[in-house]
Amino acid sequence: VNQKCDFILAVGGLMQDATKKAAAAH
C-alpha cells in the first residue's frame, strides 16, 4: 500500500483476516 501498488494480491485462505484488515483501512 505504501509503495502505491495499483493491485495487491494476497494468496491463500490463511491471509483472509490480514487482507480484510488492510482493505478496511485502505
PDB file of all heavy atoms in Angstrom:
ATOM      1  N   VAL A   1       0.857  -1.195   0.000  1.00  0.00           N
ATOM      2  CA  VAL A   1       0.000   0.000   0.000  1.00  0.00           C
ATOM      3  C   VAL A   1       0.891   1.243   0.000  1.00  0.00           C
ATOM      4  O   VAL A   1       0.677   2.182  -0.781  1.00  0.00           O
ATOM      5  CB  VAL A   1      -0.940   0.026   1.228  1.00  0.00           C
ATOM      6  CG1 VAL A   1      -1.674   1.361   1.298  1.00  0.00           C
ATOM      7  CG2 VAL A   1      -1.947  -1.116   1.168  1.00  0.00           C
ATOM      8  N   ASN A   2       1.903   1.227   0.840  1.00  0.00           N
ATOM      9  CA  ASN A   2       2.817   2.365   0.944  1.00  0.00           C
ATOM     10  C   ASN A   2       3.628   2.578  -0.330  1.00  0.00           C
ATOM     11  O   ASN A   2       4.029   3.702  -0.644  1.00  0.00           O
ATOM     12  CB  ASN A   2       3.762   2.183   2.140  1.00  0.00           C
ATOM     13  CG  ASN A   2       3.029   2.230   3.476  1.00  0.00           C
ATOM     14  OD1 ASN A   2       1.954   2.816   3.569  1.00  0.00           O
ATOM     15  ND2 ASN A   2       3.587   1.580   4.486  1.00  0.00           N
ATOM     16  N   GLN A   3       3.860   1.483  -1.062  1.00  0.00           N
ATOM     17  CA  GLN A   3       4.570   1.601  -2.348  1.00  0.00           C
ATOM     18  C   GLN A   3       3.643   2.044  -3.476  1.00  0.00           C
ATOM     19  O   GLN A   3       4.064   2.174  -4.618  1.00  0.00           O
ATOM     20  CB  GLN A   3       5.223   0.257  -2.713  1.00  0.00           C
ATOM     21  CG  GLN A   3       6.414  -0.108  -1.851  1.00  0.00           C
ATOM     22  CD  GLN A   3       7.053  -1.433  -2.300  1.00  0.00           C
ATOM     23  OE1 GLN A   3       7.197  -1.684  -3.489  1.00  0.00           O
ATOM     24  NE2 GLN A   3       7.436  -2.262  -1.339  1.00  0.00           N
ATOM     25  N   LYS A   4       2.361   2.227  -3.119  1.00  0.00           N
ATOM     26  CA  LYS A   4       1.343   2.679  -4.078  1.00  0.00           C
ATOM     27  C   LYS A   4       1.121   1.693  -5.220  1.00  0.00           C
ATOM     28  O   LYS A   4       0.972   2.073  -6.385  1.00  0.00           O
ATOM     29  CB  LYS A   4       1.671   4.076  -4.627  1.00  0.00           C
ATOM     30  CG  LYS A   4       1.832   5.130  -3.533  1.00  0.00           C
ATOM     31  CD  LYS A   4       1.841   6.532  -4.085  1.00  0.00           C
ATOM     32  CE  LYS A   4       2.087   7.593  -3.011  1.00  0.00           C
ATOM     33  NZ  LYS A   4       1.291   7.422  -1.797  1.00  0.00           N
ATOM     34  N   CYS A   5       1.124   0.409  -4.881  1.00  0.00           N
ATOM     35  CA  CYS A   5       0.781  -0.609  -5.871  1.00  0.00           C
ATOM     36  C   CYS A   5      -0.677  -0.428  -6.279  1.00  0.00           C
ATOM     37  O   CYS A   5      -1.537  -0.140  -5.438  1.00  0.00           O
ATOM     38  CB  CYS A   5       0.958  -2.012  -5.288  1.00  0.00           C
ATOM     39  SG  CYS A   5       2.672  -2.490  -5.039  1.00  0.00           S
ATOM     40  N   ASP A   6      -0.968  -0.605  -7.559  1.00  0.00           N
ATOM     41  CA  ASP A   6      -2.340  -0.441  -8.030  1.00  0.00           C
ATOM     42  C   ASP A   6      -3.218  -1.618  -7.624  1.00  0.00           C
ATOM     43  O   ASP A   6      -4.385  -1.447  -7.277  1.00  0.00           O
ATOM     44  CB  ASP A   6      -2.351  -0.291  -9.558  1.00  0.00           C
ATOM     45  CG  ASP A   6      -1.634   0.975 -10.009  1.00  0.00           C
ATOM     46  OD1 ASP A   6      -2.062   2.066  -9.590  1.00  0.00           O
ATOM     47  OD2 ASP A   6      -0.653   0.869 -10.764  1.00  0.00           O
ATOM     48  N   PHE A   7      -2.660  -2.815  -7.685  1.00  0.00           N
ATOM     49  CA  PHE A   7      -3.411  -4.036  -7.378  1.00  0.00           C
ATOM     50  C   PHE A   7      -2.555  -4.866  -6.433  1.00  0.00           C
ATOM     51  O   PHE A   7      -1.394  -5.162  -6.746  1.00  0.00           O
ATOM     52  CB  PHE A   7      -3.685  -4.807  -8.678  1.00  0.00           C
ATOM     53  CG  PHE A   7      -4.469  -6.089  -8.501  1.00  0.00           C
ATOM     54  CD1 PHE A   7      -5.846  -6.115  -8.663  1.00  0.00           C
ATOM     55  CD2 PHE A   7      -3.818  -7.285  -8.205  1.00  0.00           C
ATOM     56  CE1 PHE A   7      -6.568  -7.301  -8.528  1.00  0.00           C
ATOM     57  CE2 PHE A   7      -4.526  -8.477  -8.059  1.00  0.00           C
ATOM     58  CZ  PHE A   7      -5.904  -8.479  -8.225  1.00  0.00           C
ATOM     59  N   ILE A   8      -3.098  -5.226  -5.281  1.00  0.00           N
ATOM     60  CA  ILE A   8      -2.347  -6.016  -4.306  1.00  0.00           C
ATOM     61  C   ILE A   8      -3.042  -7.367  -4.143  1.00  0.00           C
ATOM     62  O   ILE A   8      -4.206  -7.433  -3.751  1.00  0.00           O
ATOM     63  CB  ILE A   8      -2.246  -5.301  -2.950  1.00  0.00           C
ATOM     64  CG1 ILE A   8      -1.540  -3.947  -3.122  1.00  0.00           C
ATOM     65  CG2 ILE A   8      -1.508  -6.170  -1.936  1.00  0.00           C
ATOM     66  CD1 ILE A   8      -1.524  -3.096  -1.866  1.00  0.00           C
ATOM     67  N   LEU A   9      -2.298  -8.430  -4.452  1.00  0.00           N
ATOM     68  CA  LEU A   9      -2.858  -9.771  -4.414  1.00  0.00           C
ATOM     69  C   LEU A   9      -2.353 -10.544  -3.199  1.00  0.00           C
ATOM     70  O   LEU A   9      -1.153 -10.686  -2.988  1.00  0.00           O
ATOM     71  CB  LEU A   9      -2.453 -10.534  -5.690  1.00  0.00           C
ATOM     72  CG  LEU A   9      -2.925 -11.986  -5.796  1.00  0.00           C
ATOM     73  CD1 LEU A   9      -4.451 -12.060  -5.874  1.00  0.00           C
ATOM     74  CD2 LEU A   9      -2.300 -12.674  -7.012  1.00  0.00           C
ATOM     75  N   ALA A  10      -3.288 -11.035  -2.411  1.00  0.00           N
ATOM     76  CA  ALA A  10      -2.965 -11.908  -1.278  1.00  0.00           C
ATOM     77  C   ALA A  10      -3.255 -13.339  -1.702  1.00  0.00           C
ATOM     78  O   ALA A  10      -4.241 -13.604  -2.383  1.00  0.00           O
ATOM     79  CB  ALA A  10      -3.817 -11.533  -0.067  1.00  0.00           C
ATOM     80  N   VAL A  11      -2.399 -14.263  -1.291  1.00  0.00           N
ATOM     81  CA  VAL A  11      -2.552 -15.645  -1.746  1.00  0.00           C
ATOM     82  C   VAL A  11      -2.804 -16.589  -0.572  1.00  0.00           C
ATOM     83  O   VAL A  11      -1.973 -16.718   0.319  1.00  0.00           O
ATOM     84  CB  VAL A  11      -1.309 -16.106  -2.535  1.00  0.00           C
ATOM     85  CG1 VAL A  11      -1.553 -17.500  -3.115  1.00  0.00           C
ATOM     86  CG2 VAL A  11      -0.986 -15.129  -3.655  1.00  0.00           C
ATOM     87  N   GLY A  12      -3.960 -17.231  -0.594  1.00  0.00           N
ATOM     88  CA  GLY A  12      -4.238 -18.268   0.387  1.00  0.00           C
ATOM     89  C   GLY A  12      -5.232 -17.873   1.463  1.00  0.00           C
ATOM     90  O   GLY A  12      -5.297 -16.711   1.885  1.00  0.00           O
ATOM     91  N   GLY A  13      -6.003 -18.859   1.909  1.00  0.00           N
ATOM     92  CA  GLY A  13      -7.011 -18.633   2.926  1.00  0.00           C
ATOM     93  C   GLY A  13      -6.451 -18.147   4.246  1.00  0.00           C
ATOM     94  O   GLY A  13      -7.139 -17.454   5.010  1.00  0.00           O
ATOM     95  N   LEU A  14      -5.185 -18.478   4.527  1.00  0.00           N
ATOM     96  CA  LEU A  14      -4.572 -18.032   5.782  1.00  0.00           C
ATOM     97  C   LEU A  14      -4.420 -16.509   5.828  1.00  0.00           C
ATOM     98  O   LEU A  14      -4.237 -15.932   6.898  1.00  0.00           O
ATOM     99  CB  LEU A  14      -3.190 -18.679   5.959  1.00  0.00           C
ATOM    100  CG  LEU A  14      -3.160 -20.193   6.164  1.00  0.00           C
ATOM    101  CD1 LEU A  14      -1.725 -20.695   6.207  1.00  0.00           C
ATOM    102  CD2 LEU A  14      -3.897 -20.587   7.442  1.00  0.00           C
ATOM    103  N   MET A  15      -4.509 -15.873   4.651  1.00  0.00           N
ATOM    104  CA  MET A  15      -4.317 -14.417   4.598  1.00  0.00           C
ATOM    105  C   MET A  15      -5.622 -13.632   4.678  1.00  0.00           C
ATOM    106  O   MET A  15      -5.620 -12.406   4.595  1.00  0.00           O
ATOM    107  CB  MET A  15      -3.567 -14.042   3.311  1.00  0.00           C
ATOM    108  CG  MET A  15      -2.137 -14.546   3.279  1.00  0.00           C
ATOM    109  SD  MET A  15      -1.158 -13.772   1.974  1.00  0.00           S
ATOM    110  CE  MET A  15      -1.068 -12.097   2.588  1.00  0.00           C
ATOM    111  N   GLN A  16      -6.739 -14.324   4.849  1.00  0.00           N
ATOM    112  CA  GLN A  16      -8.031 -13.628   4.805  1.00  0.00           C
ATOM    113  C   GLN A  16      -8.149 -12.511   5.840  1.00  0.00           C
ATOM    114  O   GLN A  16      -8.546 -11.388   5.509  1.00  0.00           O
ATOM    115  CB  GLN A  16      -9.185 -14.621   4.994  1.00  0.00           C
ATOM    116  CG  GLN A  16     -10.548 -13.927   5.064  1.00  0.00           C
ATOM    117  CD  GLN A  16     -11.707 -14.888   4.939  1.00  0.00           C
ATOM    118  OE1 GLN A  16     -11.790 -15.631   3.985  1.00  0.00           O
ATOM    119  NE2 GLN A  16     -12.616 -14.867   5.912  1.00  0.00           N
ATOM    120  N   ASP A  17      -7.831 -12.801   7.091  1.00  0.00           N
ATOM    121  CA  ASP A  17      -8.016 -11.800   8.151  1.00  0.00           C
ATOM    122  C   ASP A  17      -7.122 -10.580   7.945  1.00  0.00           C
ATOM    123  O   ASP A  17      -7.561  -9.437   8.095  1.00  0.00           O
ATOM    124  CB  ASP A  17      -7.752 -12.418   9.524  1.00  0.00           C
ATOM    125  CG  ASP A  17      -8.818 -13.446   9.917  1.00  0.00           C
ATOM    126  OD1 ASP A  17      -9.891 -13.451   9.273  1.00  0.00           O
ATOM    127  OD2 ASP A  17      -8.570 -14.237  10.849  1.00  0.00           O
ATOM    128  N   ALA A  18      -5.863 -10.829   7.603  1.00  0.00           N
ATOM    129  CA  ALA A  18      -4.929  -9.717   7.382  1.00  0.00           C
ATOM    130  C   ALA A  18      -5.368  -8.871   6.190  1.00  0.00           C
ATOM    131  O   ALA A  18      -5.274  -7.632   6.214  1.00  0.00           O
ATOM    132  CB  ALA A  18      -3.519 -10.256   7.151  1.00  0.00           C
ATOM    133  N   THR A  19      -5.866  -9.527   5.144  1.00  0.00           N
ATOM    134  CA  THR A  19      -6.314  -8.800   3.951  1.00  0.00           C
ATOM    135  C   THR A  19      -7.551  -7.972   4.263  1.00  0.00           C
ATOM    136  O   THR A  19      -7.675  -6.824   3.824  1.00  0.00           O
ATOM    137  CB  THR A  19      -6.609  -9.799   2.811  1.00  0.00           C
ATOM    138  OG1 THR A  19      -5.452 -10.601   2.574  1.00  0.00           O
ATOM    139  CG2 THR A  19      -6.972  -9.075   1.532  1.00  0.00           C
ATOM    140  N   LYS A  20      -8.460  -8.553   5.007  1.00  0.00           N
ATOM    141  CA  LYS A  20      -9.680  -7.833   5.385  1.00  0.00           C
ATOM    142  C   LYS A  20      -9.331  -6.573   6.183  1.00  0.00           C
ATOM    143  O   LYS A  20      -9.883  -5.493   5.947  1.00  0.00           O
ATOM    144  CB  LYS A  20     -10.582  -8.751   6.213  1.00  0.00           C
ATOM    145  CG  LYS A  20     -11.926  -8.129   6.585  1.00  0.00           C
ATOM    146  CD  LYS A  20     -12.819  -9.160   7.264  1.00  0.00           C
ATOM    147  CE  LYS A  20     -14.202  -8.570   7.535  1.00  0.00           C
ATOM    148  NZ  LYS A  20     -15.111  -9.593   8.131  1.00  0.00           N
ATOM    149  N   LYS A  21      -8.389  -6.714   7.091  1.00  0.00           N
ATOM    150  CA  LYS A  21      -7.984  -5.578   7.933  1.00  0.00           C
ATOM    151  C   LYS A  21      -7.309  -4.494   7.101  1.00  0.00           C
ATOM    152  O   LYS A  21      -7.616  -3.300   7.231  1.00  0.00           O
ATOM    153  CB  LYS A  21      -7.041  -6.074   9.039  1.00  0.00           C
ATOM    154  CG  LYS A  21      -6.721  -5.029  10.103  1.00  0.00           C
ATOM    155  CD  LYS A  21      -5.941  -5.662  11.253  1.00  0.00           C
ATOM    156  CE  LYS A  21      -5.579  -4.610  12.304  1.00  0.00           C
ATOM    157  NZ  LYS A  21      -4.779  -5.207  13.406  1.00  0.00           N
ATOM    158  N   ALA A  22      -6.400  -4.899   6.219  1.00  0.00           N
ATOM    159  CA  ALA A  22      -5.689  -3.934   5.376  1.00  0.00           C
ATOM    160  C   ALA A  22      -6.651  -3.239   4.415  1.00  0.00           C
ATOM    161  O   ALA A  22      -6.557  -2.026   4.188  1.00  0.00           O
ATOM    162  CB  ALA A  22      -4.576  -4.634   4.595  1.00  0.00           C
ATOM    163  N   ALA A  23      -7.582  -3.993   3.872  1.00  0.00           N
ATOM    164  CA  ALA A  23      -8.546  -3.428   2.921  1.00  0.00           C
ATOM    165  C   ALA A  23      -9.493  -2.442   3.596  1.00  0.00           C
ATOM    166  O   ALA A  23      -9.830  -1.395   3.035  1.00  0.00           O
ATOM    167  CB  ALA A  23      -9.338  -4.543   2.253  1.00  0.00           C
ATOM    168  N   ALA A  24      -9.910  -2.780   4.812  1.00  0.00           N
ATOM    169  CA  ALA A  24     -10.799  -1.881   5.547  1.00  0.00           C
ATOM    170  C   ALA A  24     -10.090  -0.572   5.889  1.00  0.00           C
ATOM    171  O   ALA A  24     -10.699   0.508   5.884  1.00  0.00           O
ATOM    172  CB  ALA A  24     -11.289  -2.568   6.819  1.00  0.00           C
ATOM    173  N   ALA A  25      -8.784  -0.658   6.151  1.00  0.00           N
ATOM    174  CA  ALA A  25      -8.012   0.543   6.490  1.00  0.00           C
ATOM    175  C   ALA A  25      -7.704   1.397   5.266  1.00  0.00           C
ATOM    176  O   ALA A  25      -7.406   2.592   5.388  1.00  0.00           O
ATOM    177  CB  ALA A  25      -6.711   0.139   7.185  1.00  0.00           C
ATOM    178  N   HIS A  26      -7.773   0.782   4.082  1.00  0.00           N
ATOM    179  CA  HIS A  26      -7.445   1.495   2.837  1.00  0.00           C
ATOM    180  C   HIS A  26      -8.535   1.225   1.796  1.00  0.00           C
ATOM    181  O   HIS A  26      -8.326   0.497   0.825  1.00  0.00           O
ATOM    182  CB  HIS A  26      -6.081   1.038   2.310  1.00  0.00           C
ATOM    183  CG  HIS A  26      -4.967   1.176   3.304  1.00  0.00           C
ATOM    184  ND1 HIS A  26      -4.352   2.379   3.589  1.00  0.00           N
ATOM    185  CD2 HIS A  26      -4.369   0.250   4.103  1.00  0.00           C
ATOM    186  CE1 HIS A  26      -3.418   2.200   4.509  1.00  0.00           C
ATOM    187  NE2 HIS A  26      -3.408   0.913   4.839  1.00  0.00           N
TER     188      HIS A  26
END
